[in-house]
């Protein structure tokens, strides 16, 4: 299934999902998040995808132009070999060079597949250890013993972003879609100093969504092996041969 391969290359409606007991409210000016600023990025990763008792593993070469393009090439077990893809702000395209197939879809189609709102910036956040949505000054911020928690609300979605009080890095993101009770958890860890950036070398994604068969959990473990930043343009090679069949 092409949508599953895409995610390999790479989450109570009446109460807060963080369960924070300390209700002290902080100003946005008091919290300076340690963001990763770059133009181009190349990553080598090992990715494991689990759903409904099935597991796929892949080695991934990922290239990113921040807030613009995510390109990936997969190798590994049967079912992921020969997969190459490119994500832009409005579309996702992949080719399977072994089976000579081509897929193209937008984020609305991907969201329907998982019954959860997915966009480019959510996938980019999974790879970089960022907040999926930018923080704004009017959002509530509370604090527990170890973290600041930025509370966000976008329509039916409630988001809690956990920011380490010591490093100011994002360590966890919890997203709840109120009408469906579908939820996404992102966990970032193994932070290392890399070319002047503090970068999370591990990401864990857990998406719990409901479909016609009941509740289903999709898990993705991402472990980065090598990370290289660049200010110079890098290549994002992607062409679809005419003989490839569209799926």
C-alpha atoms as a PDB file:
ATOM      1  CA  UNK A   1       0.000   0.000   0.000  1.00  0.00           C
ATOM      2  CA  UNK A   2       1.720   3.222  -1.140  1.00  0.00           C
ATOM      3  CA  UNK A   3       0.453   5.406   1.717  1.00  0.00           C
ATOM      4  CA  UNK A   4       2.106   3.139   4.283  1.00  0.00           C
ATOM      5  CA  UNK A   5       5.387   3.319   2.423  1.00  0.00           C
ATOM      6  CA  UNK A   6       5.163   7.109   2.390  1.00  0.00           C
ATOM      7  CA  UNK A   7       4.930   7.280   6.143  1.00  0.00           C
ATOM      8  CA  UNK A   8       7.885   4.884   6.415  1.00  0.00           C
ATOM      9  CA  UNK A   9      10.100   7.657   4.981  1.00  0.00           C
ATOM     10  CA  UNK A  10       9.326   9.646   7.600  1.00  0.00           C
ATOM     11  CA  UNK A  11       0.865  11.899  14.407  1.00  0.00           C
ATOM     12  CA  UNK A  12     -11.491  13.585  26.360  1.00  0.00           C
ATOM     13  CA  UNK A  13     -12.424  16.526  24.101  1.00  0.00           C
ATOM     14  CA  UNK A  14     -13.540  18.338  27.295  1.00  0.00           C
ATOM     15  CA  UNK A  15     -10.184  18.287  29.067  1.00  0.00           C
ATOM     16  CA  UNK A  16      -6.543  19.004  28.399  1.00  0.00           C
ATOM     17  CA  UNK A  17      -4.614  16.023  27.128  1.00  0.00           C
ATOM     18  CA  UNK A  18      -1.456  16.917  29.062  1.00  0.00           C
ATOM     19  CA  UNK A  19      -2.933  16.468  32.511  1.00  0.00           C
ATOM     20  CA  UNK A  20      -0.747  19.274  33.896  1.00  0.00           C
ATOM     21  CA  UNK A  21      -1.538  19.986  37.528  1.00  0.00           C
ATOM     22  CA  UNK A  22       0.556  23.147  37.829  1.00  0.00           C
ATOM     23  CA  UNK A  23      -1.668  25.942  36.505  1.00  0.00           C
ATOM     24  CA  UNK A  24       0.925  28.724  36.579  1.00  0.00           C
ATOM     25  CA  UNK A  25       0.647  30.525  33.242  1.00  0.00           C
ATOM     26  CA  UNK A  26       3.778  31.819  31.530  1.00  0.00           C
ATOM     27  CA  UNK A  27       4.237  34.475  28.883  1.00  0.00           C
ATOM     28  CA  UNK A  28       5.356  33.480  25.390  1.00  0.00           C
ATOM     29  CA  UNK A  29       8.194  35.990  25.804  1.00  0.00           C
ATOM     30  CA  UNK A  30       9.589  33.910  28.687  1.00  0.00           C
ATOM     31  CA  UNK A  31      10.083  30.830  26.518  1.00  0.00           C
ATOM     32  CA  UNK A  32      12.630  30.862  23.685  1.00  0.00           C
ATOM     33  CA  UNK A  33      12.374  27.505  21.904  1.00  0.00           C
ATOM     34  CA  UNK A  34      15.669  26.070  20.642  1.00  0.00           C
ATOM     35  CA  UNK A  35      14.728  25.629  16.975  1.00  0.00           C
ATOM     36  CA  UNK A  36      16.760  24.060  14.191  1.00  0.00           C
ATOM     37  CA  UNK A  37      17.443  26.713  11.568  1.00  0.00           C
ATOM     38  CA  UNK A  38      18.824  25.532   8.243  1.00  0.00           C
ATOM     39  CA  UNK A  39      18.333  25.776   4.490  1.00  0.00           C
ATOM     40  CA  UNK A  40      19.180  22.261   3.295  1.00  0.00           C
ATOM     41  CA  UNK A  41      19.533  19.018   5.226  1.00  0.00           C
ATOM     42  CA  UNK A  42      20.597  15.470   4.322  1.00  0.00           C
ATOM     43  CA  UNK A  43      19.759  12.598   6.681  1.00  0.00           C
ATOM     44  CA  UNK A  44      20.520   8.878   6.674  1.00  0.00           C
ATOM     45  CA  UNK A  45      17.998   6.989   8.808  1.00  0.00           C
ATOM     46  CA  UNK A  46      16.715   3.585   9.845  1.00  0.00           C
ATOM     47  CA  UNK A  47      12.919   3.450   9.956  1.00  0.00           C
ATOM     48  CA  UNK A  48      10.539   0.816  11.336  1.00  0.00           C
ATOM     49  CA  UNK A  49       6.806   0.930  10.607  1.00  0.00           C
ATOM     50  CA  UNK A  50       4.258  -1.154  12.544  1.00  0.00           C
ATOM     51  CA  UNK A  51       0.513  -1.518  11.970  1.00  0.00           C
ATOM     52  CA  UNK A  52      -1.971  -4.331  12.654  1.00  0.00           C
ATOM     53  CA  UNK A  53       0.778  -6.786  13.562  1.00  0.00           C
ATOM     54  CA  UNK A  54       2.777  -6.081  10.413  1.00  0.00           C
ATOM     55  CA  UNK A  55       6.234  -4.526  10.444  1.00  0.00           C
ATOM     56  CA  UNK A  56       8.359  -3.061   7.677  1.00  0.00           C
ATOM     57  CA  UNK A  57      11.906  -1.793   8.044  1.00  0.00           C
ATOM     58  CA  UNK A  58      13.880   0.423   5.713  1.00  0.00           C
ATOM     59  CA  UNK A  59      17.068   2.380   5.334  1.00  0.00           C
ATOM     60  CA  UNK A  60      16.260   5.896   4.201  1.00  0.00           C
ATOM     61  CA  UNK A  61      18.191   8.673   2.532  1.00  0.00           C
ATOM     62  CA  UNK A  62      16.266  11.895   3.161  1.00  0.00           C
ATOM     63  CA  UNK A  63      16.900  15.380   1.775  1.00  0.00           C
ATOM     64  CA  UNK A  64      15.034  18.461   2.950  1.00  0.00           C
ATOM     65  CA  UNK A  65      14.719  22.034   1.803  1.00  0.00           C
ATOM     66  CA  UNK A  66      13.136  23.517   4.879  1.00  0.00           C
ATOM     67  CA  UNK A  67       9.422  24.328   4.628  1.00  0.00           C
ATOM     68  CA  UNK A  68       9.452  23.392   0.949  1.00  0.00           C
ATOM     69  CA  UNK A  69      10.598  19.902  -0.118  1.00  0.00           C
ATOM     70  CA  UNK A  70      11.157  16.490   1.457  1.00  0.00           C
ATOM     71  CA  UNK A  71      12.802  13.931  -0.849  1.00  0.00           C
ATOM     72  CA  UNK A  72      13.478  10.314   0.127  1.00  0.00           C
ATOM     73  CA  UNK A  73      14.909   7.098  -1.233  1.00  0.00           C
ATOM     74  CA  UNK A  74      14.271   3.764   0.508  1.00  0.00           C
ATOM     75  CA  UNK A  75      16.136   0.482   0.556  1.00  0.00           C
ATOM     76  CA  UNK A  76      15.753  -2.612   2.695  1.00  0.00           C
ATOM     77  CA  UNK A  77      13.210  -5.387   2.973  1.00  0.00           C
ATOM     78  CA  UNK A  78      10.841  -6.516   0.249  1.00  0.00           C
ATOM     79  CA  UNK A  79       8.081  -3.962  -0.197  1.00  0.00           C
ATOM     80  CA  UNK A  80      10.259  -0.897   0.344  1.00  0.00           C
ATOM     81  CA  UNK A  81      13.165  -1.504  -2.022  1.00  0.00           C
ATOM     82  CA  UNK A  82      13.240   0.846  -4.956  1.00  0.00           C
ATOM     83  CA  UNK A  83      10.815   3.373  -3.451  1.00  0.00           C
ATOM     84  CA  UNK A  84      11.603   7.039  -4.108  1.00  0.00           C
ATOM     85  CA  UNK A  85       9.354   9.965  -3.256  1.00  0.00           C
ATOM     86  CA  UNK A  86       9.051  13.707  -3.066  1.00  0.00           C
ATOM     87  CA  UNK A  87       6.770  15.778  -0.835  1.00  0.00           C
ATOM     88  CA  UNK A  88       5.947  19.408  -1.503  1.00  0.00           C
ATOM     89  CA  UNK A  89       3.548  21.702   0.317  1.00  0.00           C
ATOM     90  CA  UNK A  90       0.546  20.444  -1.672  1.00  0.00           C
ATOM     91  CA  UNK A  91       1.341  16.975  -3.012  1.00  0.00           C
ATOM     92  CA  UNK A  92       3.089  13.642  -2.517  1.00  0.00           C
ATOM     93  CA  UNK A  93       4.564  11.616  -5.367  1.00  0.00           C
ATOM     94  CA  UNK A  94       6.313   8.249  -5.201  1.00  0.00           C
ATOM     95  CA  UNK A  95       7.712   5.758  -7.666  1.00  0.00           C
ATOM     96  CA  UNK A  96       8.465   2.065  -7.235  1.00  0.00           C
ATOM     97  CA  UNK A  97      11.384   1.329  -9.535  1.00  0.00           C
ATOM     98  CA  UNK A  98      11.138  -2.437  -9.024  1.00  0.00           C
ATOM     99  CA  UNK A  99       7.453  -2.742  -9.918  1.00  0.00           C
ATOM    100  CA  UNK A 100       7.536   0.235 -12.321  1.00  0.00           C
ATOM    101  CA  UNK A 101       4.634   1.990 -10.602  1.00  0.00           C
ATOM    102  CA  UNK A 102       3.840   5.618  -9.799  1.00  0.00           C
ATOM    103  CA  UNK A 103       1.556   7.189  -7.182  1.00  0.00           C
ATOM    104  CA  UNK A 104       0.436  10.778  -6.722  1.00  0.00           C
ATOM    105  CA  UNK A 105      -1.882  12.130  -4.042  1.00  0.00           C
ATOM    106  CA  UNK A 106      -2.566  15.230  -2.000  1.00  0.00           C
ATOM    107  CA  UNK A 107      -2.708  15.591   1.769  1.00  0.00           C
ATOM    108  CA  UNK A 108      -6.490  15.364   1.886  1.00  0.00           C
ATOM    109  CA  UNK A 109      -6.259  11.862   0.401  1.00  0.00           C
ATOM    110  CA  UNK A 110      -3.514  10.890   2.847  1.00  0.00           C
ATOM    111  CA  UNK A 111      -5.563  12.268   5.742  1.00  0.00           C
ATOM    112  CA  UNK A 112      -8.589  10.224   4.691  1.00  0.00           C
ATOM    113  CA  UNK A 113      -6.458   7.075   4.609  1.00  0.00           C
ATOM    114  CA  UNK A 114      -5.522   7.549   8.274  1.00  0.00           C
ATOM    115  CA  UNK A 115      -8.678   9.399   9.329  1.00  0.00           C
ATOM    116  CA  UNK A 116      -6.439  12.134  10.746  1.00  0.00           C
ATOM    117  CA  UNK A 117      -5.341  15.524   9.424  1.00  0.00           C
ATOM    118  CA  UNK A 118      -1.827  15.219   7.956  1.00  0.00           C
ATOM    119  CA  UNK A 119       0.087  17.946   6.125  1.00  0.00           C
ATOM    120  CA  UNK A 120       3.634  18.678   4.991  1.00  0.00           C
ATOM    121  CA  UNK A 121       4.606  20.444   8.206  1.00  0.00           C
ATOM    122  CA  UNK A 122       3.507  17.533  10.402  1.00  0.00           C
ATOM    123  CA  UNK A 123       5.737  15.133   8.456  1.00  0.00           C
ATOM    124  CA  UNK A 124       8.622  17.615   8.542  1.00  0.00           C
ATOM    125  CA  UNK A 125       8.176  17.979  12.315  1.00  0.00           C
ATOM    126  CA  UNK A 126       8.421  14.192  12.733  1.00  0.00           C
ATOM    127  CA  UNK A 127      11.820  14.244  11.061  1.00  0.00           C
ATOM    128  CA  UNK A 128      13.229  17.377  12.710  1.00  0.00           C
ATOM    129  CA  UNK A 129      11.773  17.186  16.231  1.00  0.00           C
ATOM    130  CA  UNK A 130       9.757  20.377  15.860  1.00  0.00           C
ATOM    131  CA  UNK A 131       6.305  21.622  16.802  1.00  0.00           C
ATOM    132  CA  UNK A 132       3.923  20.863  13.898  1.00  0.00           C
ATOM    133  CA  UNK A 133       2.307  24.293  14.322  1.00  0.00           C
ATOM    134  CA  UNK A 134       4.130  27.537  15.005  1.00  0.00           C
ATOM    135  CA  UNK A 135       3.695  28.977  18.491  1.00  0.00           C
ATOM    136  CA  UNK A 136       1.797  32.274  18.827  1.00  0.00           C
ATOM    137  CA  UNK A 137       1.862  34.888  21.554  1.00  0.00           C
ATOM    138  CA  UNK A 138      -1.776  34.437  22.582  1.00  0.00           C
ATOM    139  CA  UNK A 139      -1.415  30.708  23.374  1.00  0.00           C
ATOM    140  CA  UNK A 140      -1.459  29.413  26.937  1.00  0.00           C
ATOM    141  CA  UNK A 141       1.806  28.141  28.447  1.00  0.00           C
ATOM    142  CA  UNK A 142       1.993  26.163  31.685  1.00  0.00           C
ATOM    143  CA  UNK A 143       4.884  24.372  33.373  1.00  0.00           C
ATOM    144  CA  UNK A 144       5.428  21.149  35.269  1.00  0.00           C
ATOM    145  CA  UNK A 145       8.635  20.018  36.944  1.00  0.00           C
ATOM    146  CA  UNK A 146      10.567  19.318  33.745  1.00  0.00           C
ATOM    147  CA  UNK A 147       8.726  20.981  30.868  1.00  0.00           C
ATOM    148  CA  UNK A 148       6.935  24.028  29.603  1.00  0.00           C
ATOM    149  CA  UNK A 149       3.711  23.032  27.840  1.00  0.00           C
ATOM    150  CA  UNK A 150       2.406  25.179  25.003  1.00  0.00           C
ATOM    151  CA  UNK A 151      -1.343  24.571  24.567  1.00  0.00           C
ATOM    152  CA  UNK A 152      -2.748  25.138  21.102  1.00  0.00           C
ATOM    153  CA  UNK A 153      -6.210  24.856  19.596  1.00  0.00           C
ATOM    154  CA  UNK A 154      -6.857  24.730  15.835  1.00  0.00           C
ATOM    155  CA  UNK A 155     -10.517  24.040  15.142  1.00  0.00           C
ATOM    156  CA  UNK A 156     -11.229  20.494  16.309  1.00  0.00           C
ATOM    157  CA  UNK A 157      -7.575  19.836  17.181  1.00  0.00           C
ATOM    158  CA  UNK A 158      -6.016  20.293  20.620  1.00  0.00           C
ATOM    159  CA  UNK A 159      -2.216  20.243  20.748  1.00  0.00           C
ATOM    160  CA  UNK A 160       0.110  20.092  23.756  1.00  0.00           C
ATOM    161  CA  UNK A 161       3.789  20.745  22.983  1.00  0.00           C
ATOM    162  CA  UNK A 162       6.281  19.800  25.708  1.00  0.00           C
ATOM    163  CA  UNK A 163       9.433  21.930  25.775  1.00  0.00           C
ATOM    164  CA  UNK A 164      12.320  20.837  28.017  1.00  0.00           C
ATOM    165  CA  UNK A 165      12.902  23.452  30.722  1.00  0.00           C
ATOM    166  CA  UNK A 166      16.654  22.792  30.619  1.00  0.00           C
ATOM    167  CA  UNK A 167      17.378  22.548  26.877  1.00  0.00           C
ATOM    168  CA  UNK A 168      14.362  24.401  25.415  1.00  0.00           C
ATOM    169  CA  UNK A 169      13.996  21.586  22.872  1.00  0.00           C
ATOM    170  CA  UNK A 170      10.666  20.015  21.933  1.00  0.00           C
ATOM    171  CA  UNK A 171      10.534  16.532  23.506  1.00  0.00           C
ATOM    172  CA  UNK A 172       6.885  15.538  23.015  1.00  0.00           C
ATOM    173  CA  UNK A 173       3.809  16.579  21.051  1.00  0.00           C
ATOM    174  CA  UNK A 174       0.304  15.281  21.808  1.00  0.00           C
ATOM    175  CA  UNK A 175      -2.509  15.971  19.331  1.00  0.00           C
ATOM    176  CA  UNK A 176      -6.177  15.139  19.888  1.00  0.00           C
ATOM    177  CA  UNK A 177      -8.926  15.421  17.281  1.00  0.00           C
ATOM    178  CA  UNK A 178     -11.978  16.058  19.463  1.00  0.00           C
ATOM    179  CA  UNK A 179     -14.865  14.739  17.296  1.00  0.00           C
ATOM    180  CA  UNK A 180     -13.237  11.374  16.511  1.00  0.00           C
ATOM    181  CA  UNK A 181     -10.961  11.029  19.574  1.00  0.00           C
ATOM    182  CA  UNK A 182      -8.166  10.070  17.180  1.00  0.00           C
ATOM    183  CA  UNK A 183      -4.798  11.018  18.605  1.00  0.00           C
ATOM    184  CA  UNK A 184      -1.158  11.424  17.646  1.00  0.00           C
ATOM    185  CA  UNK A 185       1.890  11.303  19.909  1.00  0.00           C
ATOM    186  CA  UNK A 186       5.381  12.395  18.846  1.00  0.00           C
ATOM    187  CA  UNK A 187       8.371  11.671  21.093  1.00  0.00           C
ATOM    188  CA  UNK A 188      11.823  13.105  20.355  1.00  0.00           C
ATOM    189  CA  UNK A 189      15.026  11.905  22.020  1.00  0.00           C
ATOM    190  CA  UNK A 190      18.749  11.102  21.744  1.00  0.00           C
ATOM    191  CA  UNK A 191      19.640  14.782  21.313  1.00  0.00           C
ATOM    192  CA  UNK A 192      23.155  15.364  20.000  1.00  0.00           C
ATOM    193  CA  UNK A 193      25.257  18.390  19.108  1.00  0.00           C
ATOM    194  CA  UNK A 194      25.647  18.341  15.323  1.00  0.00           C
ATOM    195  CA  UNK A 195      27.295  21.133  13.333  1.00  0.00           C
ATOM    196  CA  UNK A 196      26.193  23.698  15.910  1.00  0.00           C
ATOM    197  CA  UNK A 197      22.632  22.331  16.140  1.00  0.00           C
ATOM    198  CA  UNK A 198      21.073  20.229  18.888  1.00  0.00           C
ATOM    199  CA  UNK A 199      19.309  17.554  16.863  1.00  0.00           C
ATOM    200  CA  UNK A 200      17.058  14.647  17.978  1.00  0.00           C
ATOM    201  CA  UNK A 201      18.474  11.433  16.513  1.00  0.00           C
ATOM    202  CA  UNK A 202      15.363   9.442  17.438  1.00  0.00           C
ATOM    203  CA  UNK A 203      11.661  10.044  16.856  1.00  0.00           C
ATOM    204  CA  UNK A 204       8.709   7.880  17.826  1.00  0.00           C
ATOM    205  CA  UNK A 205       5.297   8.362  16.220  1.00  0.00           C
ATOM    206  CA  UNK A 206       2.072   6.773  17.482  1.00  0.00           C
ATOM    207  CA  UNK A 207      -1.157   7.457  15.618  1.00  0.00           C
ATOM    208  CA  UNK A 208      -4.340   5.987  17.092  1.00  0.00           C
ATOM    209  CA  UNK A 209      -7.207   6.242  14.636  1.00  0.00           C
ATOM    210  CA  UNK A 210     -10.606   4.666  14.197  1.00  0.00           C
ATOM    211  CA  UNK A 211     -11.871   3.101  10.987  1.00  0.00           C
ATOM    212  CA  UNK A 212     -14.652   0.708   9.993  1.00  0.00           C
ATOM    213  CA  UNK A 213     -12.793  -2.142  11.698  1.00  0.00           C
ATOM    214  CA  UNK A 214     -12.331  -0.351  15.034  1.00  0.00           C
ATOM    215  CA  UNK A 215      -9.336   1.278  16.675  1.00  0.00           C
ATOM    216  CA  UNK A 216      -5.985   0.947  14.920  1.00  0.00           C
ATOM    217  CA  UNK A 217      -2.534   2.081  16.059  1.00  0.00           C
ATOM    218  CA  UNK A 218       0.167   2.980  13.576  1.00  0.00           C
ATOM    219  CA  UNK A 219       3.717   3.249  14.942  1.00  0.00           C
ATOM    220  CA  UNK A 220       6.829   4.629  13.299  1.00  0.00           C
ATOM    221  CA  UNK A 221      10.312   4.526  14.859  1.00  0.00           C
ATOM    222  CA  UNK A 222      12.888   6.780  13.194  1.00  0.00           C
ATOM    223  CA  UNK A 223      16.569   6.560  14.146  1.00  0.00           C
ATOM    224  CA  UNK A 224      18.895   8.917  12.334  1.00  0.00           C
ATOM    225  CA  UNK A 225      22.386   7.663  11.582  1.00  0.00           C
ATOM    226  CA  UNK A 226      23.931  10.739   9.957  1.00  0.00           C
ATOM    227  CA  UNK A 227      22.830  14.373   9.671  1.00  0.00           C
ATOM    228  CA  UNK A 228      24.479  16.960   7.401  1.00  0.00           C
ATOM    229  CA  UNK A 229      23.435  20.636   7.154  1.00  0.00           C
ATOM    230  CA  UNK A 230      24.178  22.801   4.122  1.00  0.00           C
ATOM    231  CA  UNK A 231      23.592  26.316   2.859  1.00  0.00           C
ATOM    232  CA  UNK A 232      24.361  25.214  -0.692  1.00  0.00           C
ATOM    233  CA  UNK A 233      21.609  23.722  -2.885  1.00  0.00           C
ATOM    234  CA  UNK A 234      21.327  19.937  -2.995  1.00  0.00           C
ATOM    235  CA  UNK A 235      19.621  17.767  -5.611  1.00  0.00           C
ATOM    236  CA  UNK A 236      16.146  16.250  -5.401  1.00  0.00           C
ATOM    237  CA  UNK A 237      16.131  13.889  -8.410  1.00  0.00           C
ATOM    238  CA  UNK A 238      12.649  12.682  -9.301  1.00  0.00           C
ATOM    239  CA  UNK A 239      11.347  11.707 -12.723  1.00  0.00           C
ATOM    240  CA  UNK A 240       8.576   9.324 -13.727  1.00  0.00           C
ATOM    241  CA  UNK A 241       9.361   7.175 -16.790  1.00  0.00           C
ATOM    242  CA  UNK A 242       6.529   7.084 -19.317  1.00  0.00           C
ATOM    243  CA  UNK A 243       6.239   3.297 -19.096  1.00  0.00           C
ATOM    244  CA  UNK A 244       5.428   3.409 -15.359  1.00  0.00           C
ATOM    245  CA  UNK A 245       1.812   2.582 -14.445  1.00  0.00           C
ATOM    246  CA  UNK A 246      -0.054   5.031 -12.251  1.00  0.00           C
ATOM    247  CA  UNK A 247      -1.750   3.524  -9.175  1.00  0.00           C
END
